[in-house]
Amino acid sequence: MLFEFKQAVEDGFLELSDPDLIAEVKSYTRDDLMDRDEDPRLVTRHFDLLMAAAIAWQMRNHAEVKKEGDGYQQGAYERSGLDA
């Protein structure tokens, strides 16, 4: 999944514009893919943005575009009842 994401970025199929995602991508290394003998509970480098973007890229072929007139209507805005 990560190699396909990398290839899509390098081939120009995917353009990254979020600074936080770009920083996370730059800090991810091949060593992060390797299994280690360390206690996994001690590892804090999860790369959440990178993983979410890679999953979204994998799912791109399964997404469907909504067509006009498909019957969906957004409900009216309702206040939460909390006064600020």
PDB file of N, CA and C in Angstrom:
ATOM      1  N   MET A   1       0.824  -1.180   0.000  1.00  0.00           N
ATOM      2  CA  MET A   1       0.000   0.000   0.000  1.00  0.00           C
ATOM      3  C   MET A   1       0.877   1.255   0.000  1.00  0.00           C
ATOM      4  N   LEU A   2       1.898   1.271   0.843  1.00  0.00           N
ATOM      5  CA  LEU A   2       2.757   2.447   0.917  1.00  0.00           C
ATOM      6  C   LEU A   2       3.601   2.623  -0.338  1.00  0.00           C
ATOM      7  N   PHE A   3       4.020   1.506  -0.924  1.00  0.00           N
ATOM      8  CA  PHE A   3       4.805   1.618  -2.148  1.00  0.00           C
ATOM      9  C   PHE A   3       3.940   2.133  -3.297  1.00  0.00           C
ATOM     10  N   GLU A   4       2.668   1.718  -3.362  1.00  0.00           N
ATOM     11  CA  GLU A   4       1.762   2.223  -4.393  1.00  0.00           C
ATOM     12  C   GLU A   4       1.493   3.713  -4.190  1.00  0.00           C
ATOM     13  N   PHE A   5       1.361   4.140  -2.935  1.00  0.00           N
ATOM     14  CA  PHE A   5       1.162   5.554  -2.622  1.00  0.00           C
ATOM     15  C   PHE A   5       2.387   6.354  -3.075  1.00  0.00           C
ATOM     16  N   LYS A   6       3.569   5.846  -2.752  1.00  0.00           N
ATOM     17  CA  LYS A   6       4.820   6.500  -3.148  1.00  0.00           C
ATOM     18  C   LYS A   6       4.905   6.613  -4.673  1.00  0.00           C
ATOM     19  N   GLN A   7       4.559   5.550  -5.360  1.00  0.00           N
ATOM     20  CA  GLN A   7       4.624   5.541  -6.820  1.00  0.00           C
ATOM     21  C   GLN A   7       3.637   6.546  -7.419  1.00  0.00           C
ATOM     22  N   ALA A   8       2.449   6.654  -6.831  1.00  0.00           N
ATOM     23  CA  ALA A   8       1.443   7.600  -7.323  1.00  0.00           C
ATOM     24  C   ALA A   8       1.933   9.040  -7.177  1.00  0.00           C
ATOM     25  N   VAL A   9       2.591   9.340  -6.067  1.00  0.00           N
ATOM     26  CA  VAL A   9       3.133  10.686  -5.854  1.00  0.00           C
ATOM     27  C   VAL A   9       4.267  10.945  -6.841  1.00  0.00           C
ATOM     28  N   GLU A  10       5.168   9.997  -6.988  1.00  0.00           N
ATOM     29  CA  GLU A  10       6.312  10.176  -7.883  1.00  0.00           C
ATOM     30  C   GLU A  10       5.890  10.289  -9.346  1.00  0.00           C
ATOM     31  N   ASP A  11       4.833   9.565  -9.739  1.00  0.00           N
ATOM     32  CA  ASP A  11       4.375   9.589 -11.129  1.00  0.00           C
ATOM     33  C   ASP A  11       3.442  10.761 -11.421  1.00  0.00           C
ATOM     34  N   GLY A  12       3.101  11.544 -10.389  1.00  0.00           N
ATOM     35  CA  GLY A  12       2.261  12.711 -10.589  1.00  0.00           C
ATOM     36  C   GLY A  12       0.770  12.435 -10.595  1.00  0.00           C
ATOM     37  N   PHE A  13       0.361  11.229 -10.213  1.00  0.00           N
ATOM     38  CA  PHE A  13      -1.066  10.918 -10.137  1.00  0.00           C
ATOM     39  C   PHE A  13      -1.699  11.506  -8.884  1.00  0.00           C
ATOM     40  N   LEU A  14      -0.889  11.819  -7.904  1.00  0.00           N
ATOM     41  CA  LEU A  14      -1.361  12.321  -6.624  1.00  0.00           C
ATOM     42  C   LEU A  14      -0.474  13.481  -6.207  1.00  0.00           C
ATOM     43  N   GLU A  15      -1.096  14.614  -5.925  1.00  0.00           N
ATOM     44  CA  GLU A  15      -0.348  15.797  -5.504  1.00  0.00           C
ATOM     45  C   GLU A  15      -0.637  16.071  -4.040  1.00  0.00           C
ATOM     46  N   LEU A  16       0.397  16.132  -3.239  1.00  0.00           N
ATOM     47  CA  LEU A  16       0.243  16.397  -1.815  1.00  0.00           C
ATOM     48  C   LEU A  16       0.328  17.899  -1.576  1.00  0.00           C
ATOM     49  N   SER A  17      -0.655  18.430  -0.847  1.00  0.00           N
ATOM     50  CA  SER A  17      -0.655  19.869  -0.595  1.00  0.00           C
ATOM     51  C   SER A  17      -0.721  20.215   0.897  1.00  0.00           C
ATOM     52  N   ASP A  18      -1.005  19.235   1.739  1.00  0.00           N
ATOM     53  CA  ASP A  18      -1.101  19.490   3.171  1.00  0.00           C
ATOM     54  C   ASP A  18       0.296  19.480   3.791  1.00  0.00           C
ATOM     55  N   PRO A  19       0.706  20.578   4.426  1.00  0.00           N
ATOM     56  CA  PRO A  19       2.065  20.650   4.997  1.00  0.00           C
ATOM     57  C   PRO A  19       2.328  19.578   6.062  1.00  0.00           C
ATOM     58  N   ASP A  20       1.323  19.249   6.875  1.00  0.00           N
ATOM     59  CA  ASP A  20       1.521  18.234   7.913  1.00  0.00           C
ATOM     60  C   ASP A  20       1.728  16.855   7.294  1.00  0.00           C
ATOM     61  N   LEU A  21       0.967  16.544   6.262  1.00  0.00           N
ATOM     62  CA  LEU A  21       1.127  15.259   5.572  1.00  0.00           C
ATOM     63  C   LEU A  21       2.489  15.190   4.896  1.00  0.00           C
ATOM     64  N   ILE A  22       2.889  16.261   4.249  1.00  0.00           N
ATOM     65  CA  ILE A  22       4.188  16.288   3.570  1.00  0.00           C
ATOM     66  C   ILE A  22       5.315  16.073   4.581  1.00  0.00           C
ATOM     67  N   ALA A  23       5.224  16.718   5.738  1.00  0.00           N
ATOM     68  CA  ALA A  23       6.251  16.550   6.777  1.00  0.00           C
ATOM     69  C   ALA A  23       6.291  15.112   7.263  1.00  0.00           C
ATOM     70  N   GLU A  24       5.110  14.495   7.404  1.00  0.00           N
ATOM     71  CA  GLU A  24       5.061  13.109   7.864  1.00  0.00           C
ATOM     72  C   GLU A  24       5.635  12.161   6.819  1.00  0.00           C
ATOM     73  N   VAL A  25       5.339  12.423   5.550  1.00  0.00           N
ATOM     74  CA  VAL A  25       5.872  11.599   4.462  1.00  0.00           C
ATOM     75  C   VAL A  25       7.393  11.695   4.431  1.00  0.00           C
ATOM     76  N   LYS A  26       7.912  12.890   4.615  1.00  0.00           N
ATOM     77  CA  LYS A  26       9.362  13.079   4.582  1.00  0.00           C
ATOM     78  C   LYS A  26      10.062  12.396   5.751  1.00  0.00           C
ATOM     79  N   SER A  27       9.376  12.247   6.877  1.00  0.00           N
ATOM     80  CA  SER A  27      10.018  11.644   8.047  1.00  0.00           C
ATOM     81  C   SER A  27       9.887  10.125   8.066  1.00  0.00           C
ATOM     82  N   TYR A  28       9.067   9.570   7.191  1.00  0.00           N
ATOM     83  CA  TYR A  28       8.883   8.112   7.135  1.00  0.00           C
ATOM     84  C   TYR A  28      10.047   7.492   6.365  1.00  0.00           C
ATOM     85  N   THR A  29      10.641   6.453   6.913  1.00  0.00           N
ATOM     86  CA  THR A  29      11.775   5.797   6.252  1.00  0.00           C
ATOM     87  C   THR A  29      11.487   4.317   6.047  1.00  0.00           C
ATOM     88  N   ARG A  30      12.318   3.697   5.259  1.00  0.00           N
ATOM     89  CA  ARG A  30      12.166   2.263   5.011  1.00  0.00           C
ATOM     90  C   ARG A  30      12.321   1.470   6.303  1.00  0.00           C
ATOM     91  N   ASP A  31      13.099   1.978   7.235  1.00  0.00           N
ATOM     92  CA  ASP A  31      13.289   1.293   8.513  1.00  0.00           C
ATOM     93  C   ASP A  31      11.989   1.210   9.316  1.00  0.00           C
ATOM     94  N   ASP A  32      11.049   2.137   9.052  1.00  0.00           N
ATOM     95  CA  ASP A  32       9.772   2.095   9.750  1.00  0.00           C
ATOM     96  C   ASP A  32       8.926   0.898   9.324  1.00  0.00           C
ATOM     97  N   LEU A  33       9.261   0.279   8.195  1.00  0.00           N
ATOM     98  CA  LEU A  33       8.542  -0.906   7.728  1.00  0.00           C
ATOM     99  C   LEU A  33       9.048  -2.192   8.371  1.00  0.00           C
ATOM    100  N   MET A  34      10.247  -2.163   8.918  1.00  0.00           N
ATOM    101  CA  MET A  34      10.878  -3.374   9.439  1.00  0.00           C
ATOM    102  C   MET A  34      10.298  -3.776  10.794  1.00  0.00           C
ATOM    103  N   ASP A  35      10.172  -5.072  10.982  1.00  0.00           N
ATOM    104  CA  ASP A  35       9.758  -5.591  12.285  1.00  0.00           C
ATOM    105  C   ASP A  35      10.916  -5.447  13.253  1.00  0.00           C
ATOM    106  N   ARG A  36      10.581  -5.119  14.478  1.00  0.00           N
ATOM    107  CA  ARG A  36      11.613  -4.954  15.488  1.00  0.00           C
ATOM    108  C   ARG A  36      11.262  -5.793  16.704  1.00  0.00           C
ATOM    109  N   ASP A  37      12.255  -6.012  17.539  1.00  0.00           N
ATOM    110  CA  ASP A  37      12.033  -6.759  18.769  1.00  0.00           C
ATOM    111  C   ASP A  37      11.569  -5.845  19.908  1.00  0.00           C
ATOM    112  N   GLU A  38      11.431  -4.553  19.620  1.00  0.00           N
ATOM    113  CA  GLU A  38      11.003  -3.610  20.645  1.00  0.00           C
ATOM    114  C   GLU A  38       9.563  -3.894  21.052  1.00  0.00           C
ATOM    115  N   ASP A  39       9.233  -3.471  22.240  1.00  0.00           N
ATOM    116  CA  ASP A  39       7.861  -3.589  22.722  1.00  0.00           C
ATOM    117  C   ASP A  39       6.988  -2.636  21.901  1.00  0.00           C
ATOM    118  N   PRO A  40       5.978  -3.136  21.164  1.00  0.00           N
ATOM    119  CA  PRO A  40       5.172  -2.270  20.300  1.00  0.00           C
ATOM    120  C   PRO A  40       4.397  -1.200  21.071  1.00  0.00           C
ATOM    121  N   ARG A  41       4.187  -1.405  22.362  1.00  0.00           N
ATOM    122  CA  ARG A  41       3.477  -0.399  23.163  1.00  0.00           C
ATOM    123  C   ARG A  41       4.313   0.852  23.379  1.00  0.00           C
ATOM    124  N   LEU A  42       5.624   0.740  23.191  1.00  0.00           N
ATOM    125  CA  LEU A  42       6.509   1.873  23.403  1.00  0.00           C
ATOM    126  C   LEU A  42       6.691   2.724  22.141  1.00  0.00           C
ATOM    127  N   VAL A  43       6.234   2.226  21.011  1.00  0.00           N
ATOM    128  CA  VAL A  43       6.409   2.936  19.744  1.00  0.00           C
ATOM    129  C   VAL A  43       5.313   3.982  19.605  1.00  0.00           C
ATOM    130  N   THR A  44       5.707   5.221  19.339  1.00  0.00           N
ATOM    131  CA  THR A  44       4.722   6.291  19.215  1.00  0.00           C
ATOM    132  C   THR A  44       4.648   6.871  17.812  1.00  0.00           C
ATOM    133  N   ARG A  45       5.471   6.404  16.901  1.00  0.00           N
ATOM    134  CA  ARG A  45       5.460   6.921  15.541  1.00  0.00           C
ATOM    135  C   ARG A  45       4.460   6.122  14.713  1.00  0.00           C
ATOM    136  N   HIS A  46       3.220   6.583  14.678  1.00  0.00           N
ATOM    137  CA  HIS A  46       2.160   5.850  13.985  1.00  0.00           C
ATOM    138  C   HIS A  46       1.945   6.337  12.561  1.00  0.00           C
ATOM    139  N   PHE A  47       2.358   7.561  12.242  1.00  0.00           N
ATOM    140  CA  PHE A  47       2.196   8.126  10.906  1.00  0.00           C
ATOM    141  C   PHE A  47       0.731   8.087  10.470  1.00  0.00           C
ATOM    142  N   ASP A  48      -0.144   8.631  11.316  1.00  0.00           N
ATOM    143  CA  ASP A  48      -1.581   8.581  11.063  1.00  0.00           C
ATOM    144  C   ASP A  48      -1.978   9.254   9.754  1.00  0.00           C
ATOM    145  N   LEU A  49      -1.438  10.419   9.479  1.00  0.00           N
ATOM    146  CA  LEU A  49      -1.798  11.123   8.240  1.00  0.00           C
ATOM    147  C   LEU A  49      -1.356  10.343   7.011  1.00  0.00           C
ATOM    148  N   LEU A  50      -0.149   9.825   7.057  1.00  0.00           N
ATOM    149  CA  LEU A  50       0.371   9.044   5.942  1.00  0.00           C
ATOM    150  C   LEU A  50      -0.468   7.788   5.719  1.00  0.00           C
ATOM    151  N   MET A  51      -0.793   7.084   6.785  1.00  0.00           N
ATOM    152  CA  MET A  51      -1.586   5.858   6.654  1.00  0.00           C
ATOM    153  C   MET A  51      -2.984   6.161   6.123  1.00  0.00           C
ATOM    154  N   ALA A  52      -3.590   7.247   6.610  1.00  0.00           N
ATOM    155  CA  ALA A  52      -4.924   7.620   6.128  1.00  0.00           C
ATOM    156  C   ALA A  52      -4.885   7.979   4.645  1.00  0.00           C
ATOM    157  N   ALA A  53      -3.865   8.704   4.224  1.00  0.00           N
ATOM    158  CA  ALA A  53      -3.743   9.080   2.814  1.00  0.00           C
ATOM    159  C   ALA A  53      -3.504   7.849   1.945  1.00  0.00           C
ATOM    160  N   ALA A  54      -2.675   6.920   2.411  1.00  0.00           N
ATOM    161  CA  ALA A  54      -2.401   5.703   1.652  1.00  0.00           C
ATOM    162  C   ALA A  54      -3.658   4.832   1.545  1.00  0.00           C
ATOM    163  N   ILE A  55      -4.429   4.744   2.614  1.00  0.00           N
ATOM    164  CA  ILE A  55      -5.681   3.979   2.570  1.00  0.00           C
ATOM    165  C   ILE A  55      -6.660   4.649   1.604  1.00  0.00           C
ATOM    166  N   ALA A  56      -6.753   5.975   1.663  1.00  0.00           N
ATOM    167  CA  ALA A  56      -7.645   6.688   0.744  1.00  0.00           C
ATOM    168  C   ALA A  56      -7.237   6.450  -0.705  1.00  0.00           C
ATOM    169  N   TRP A  57      -5.946   6.427  -0.974  1.00  0.00           N
ATOM    170  CA  TRP A  57      -5.469   6.161  -2.337  1.00  0.00           C
ATOM    171  C   TRP A  57      -5.856   4.737  -2.763  1.00  0.00           C
ATOM    172  N   GLN A  58      -5.748   3.790  -1.858  1.00  0.00           N
ATOM    173  CA  GLN A  58      -6.119   2.413  -2.170  1.00  0.00           C
ATOM    174  C   GLN A  58      -7.616   2.288  -2.474  1.00  0.00           C
ATOM    175  N   MET A  59      -8.435   3.102  -1.824  1.00  0.00           N
ATOM    176  CA  MET A  59      -9.881   2.993  -1.962  1.00  0.00           C
ATOM    177  C   MET A  59     -10.451   3.842  -3.098  1.00  0.00           C
ATOM    178  N   ARG A  60      -9.605   4.558  -3.820  1.00  0.00           N
ATOM    179  CA  ARG A  60     -10.079   5.487  -4.841  1.00  0.00           C
ATOM    180  C   ARG A  60     -10.941   4.815  -5.903  1.00  0.00           C
ATOM    181  N   ASN A  61     -10.679   3.575  -6.236  1.00  0.00           N
ATOM    182  CA  ASN A  61     -11.435   2.878  -7.277  1.00  0.00           C
ATOM    183  C   ASN A  61     -12.778   2.357  -6.778  1.00  0.00           C
ATOM    184  N   HIS A  62     -12.999   2.437  -5.484  1.00  0.00           N
ATOM    185  CA  HIS A  62     -14.250   1.947  -4.911  1.00  0.00           C
ATOM    186  C   HIS A  62     -15.229   3.073  -4.609  1.00  0.00           C
ATOM    187  N   ALA A  63     -14.810   4.315  -4.767  1.00  0.00           N
ATOM    188  CA  ALA A  63     -15.669   5.464  -4.488  1.00  0.00           C
ATOM    189  C   ALA A  63     -16.611   5.704  -5.664  1.00  0.00           C
ATOM    190  N   GLU A  64     -17.814   6.148  -5.343  1.00  0.00           N
ATOM    191  CA  GLU A  64     -18.789   6.454  -6.377  1.00  0.00           C
ATOM    192  C   GLU A  64     -19.168   7.925  -6.280  1.00  0.00           C
ATOM    193  N   VAL A  65     -19.303   8.559  -7.423  1.00  0.00           N
ATOM    194  CA  VAL A  65     -19.704   9.955  -7.474  1.00  0.00           C
ATOM    195  C   VAL A  65     -21.217  10.025  -7.398  1.00  0.00           C
ATOM    196  N   LYS A  66     -21.721  10.847  -6.468  1.00  0.00           N
ATOM    197  CA  LYS A  66     -23.168  11.034  -6.360  1.00  0.00           C
ATOM    198  C   LYS A  66     -23.655  11.832  -7.563  1.00  0.00           C
ATOM    199  N   LYS A  67     -24.782  11.414  -8.109  1.00  0.00           N
ATOM    200  CA  LYS A  67     -25.364  12.117  -9.238  1.00  0.00           C
ATOM    201  C   LYS A  67     -26.459  13.038  -8.747  1.00  0.00           C
ATOM    202  N   GLU A  68     -26.664  14.143  -9.454  1.00  0.00           N
ATOM    203  CA  GLU A  68     -27.734  15.074  -9.106  1.00  0.00           C
ATOM    204  C   GLU A  68     -29.068  14.341  -9.163  1.00  0.00           C
ATOM    205  N   GLY A  69     -29.918  14.672  -8.226  1.00  0.00           N
ATOM    206  CA  GLY A  69     -31.248  14.077  -8.221  1.00  0.00           C
ATOM    207  C   GLY A  69     -31.284  12.659  -7.687  1.00  0.00           C
ATOM    208  N   ASP A  70     -30.325  12.282  -6.863  1.00  0.00           N
ATOM    209  CA  ASP A  70     -30.303  10.920  -6.332  1.00  0.00           C
ATOM    210  C   ASP A  70     -31.179  10.776  -5.092  1.00  0.00           C
ATOM    211  N   GLY A  71     -31.901  11.856  -4.737  1.00  0.00           N
ATOM    212  CA  GLY A  71     -32.831  11.774  -3.623  1.00  0.00           C
ATOM    213  C   GLY A  71     -32.275  12.237  -2.293  1.00  0.00           C
ATOM    214  N   TYR A  72     -30.987  12.552  -2.214  1.00  0.00           N
ATOM    215  CA  TYR A  72     -30.404  12.985  -0.949  1.00  0.00           C
ATOM    216  C   TYR A  72     -30.713  14.449  -0.714  1.00  0.00           C
ATOM    217  N   GLN A  73     -31.164  14.770   0.496  1.00  0.00           N
ATOM    218  CA  GLN A  73     -31.343  16.155   0.890  1.00  0.00           C
ATOM    219  C   GLN A  73     -30.748  16.341   2.268  1.00  0.00           C
ATOM    220  N   GLN A  74     -29.956  17.382   2.405  1.00  0.00           N
ATOM    221  CA  GLN A  74     -29.352  17.678   3.695  1.00  0.00           C
ATOM    222  C   GLN A  74     -30.414  18.254   4.616  1.00  0.00           C
ATOM    223  N   GLY A  75     -30.419  17.784   5.844  1.00  0.00           N
ATOM    224  CA  GLY A  75     -31.382  18.276   6.817  1.00  0.00           C
ATOM    225  C   GLY A  75     -31.102  19.715   7.208  1.00  0.00           C
ATOM    226  N   ALA A  76     -32.128  20.360   7.789  1.00  0.00           N
ATOM    227  CA  ALA A  76     -31.983  21.738   8.229  1.00  0.00           C
ATOM    228  C   ALA A  76     -31.020  21.824   9.399  1.00  0.00           C
ATOM    229  N   TYR A  77     -30.347  22.951   9.526  1.00  0.00           N
ATOM    230  CA  TYR A  77     -29.403  23.175  10.612  1.00  0.00           C
ATOM    231  C   TYR A  77     -30.168  23.261  11.930  1.00  0.00           C
ATOM    232  N   GLU A  78     -29.676  22.555  12.930  1.00  0.00           N
ATOM    233  CA  GLU A  78     -30.301  22.610  14.240  1.00  0.00           C
ATOM    234  C   GLU A  78     -29.256  23.049  15.262  1.00  0.00           C
ATOM    235  N   ARG A  79     -29.631  23.980  16.117  1.00  0.00           N
ATOM    236  CA  ARG A  79     -28.721  24.411  17.177  1.00  0.00           C
ATOM    237  C   ARG A  79     -28.571  23.288  18.187  1.00  0.00           C
ATOM    238  N   SER A  80     -27.431  23.242  18.802  1.00  0.00           N
ATOM    239  CA  SER A  80     -27.151  22.178  19.777  1.00  0.00           C
ATOM    240  C   SER A  80     -27.853  22.398  21.110  1.00  0.00           C
ATOM    241  N   GLY A  81     -28.365  23.597  21.332  1.00  0.00           N
ATOM    242  CA  GLY A  81     -29.003  23.899  22.591  1.00  0.00           C
ATOM    243  C   GLY A  81     -28.047  24.483  23.615  1.00  0.00           C
ATOM    244  N   LEU A  82     -26.785  24.538  23.275  1.00  0.00           N
ATOM    245  CA  LEU A  82     -25.785  25.123  24.160  1.00  0.00           C
ATOM    246  C   LEU A  82     -25.568  26.569  23.763  1.00  0.00           C
ATOM    247  N   ASP A  83     -25.761  27.464  24.683  1.00  0.00           N
ATOM    248  CA  ASP A  83     -25.531  28.874  24.405  1.00  0.00           C
ATOM    249  C   ASP A  83     -24.090  29.231  24.764  1.00  0.00           C
ATOM    250  N   ALA A  84     -23.440  29.867  23.841  1.00  0.00           N
ATOM    251  CA  ALA A  84     -22.037  30.226  24.068  1.00  0.00           C
ATOM    252  C   ALA A  84     -21.907  31.517  24.812  1.00  0.00           C
TER     253      ALA A  84
END
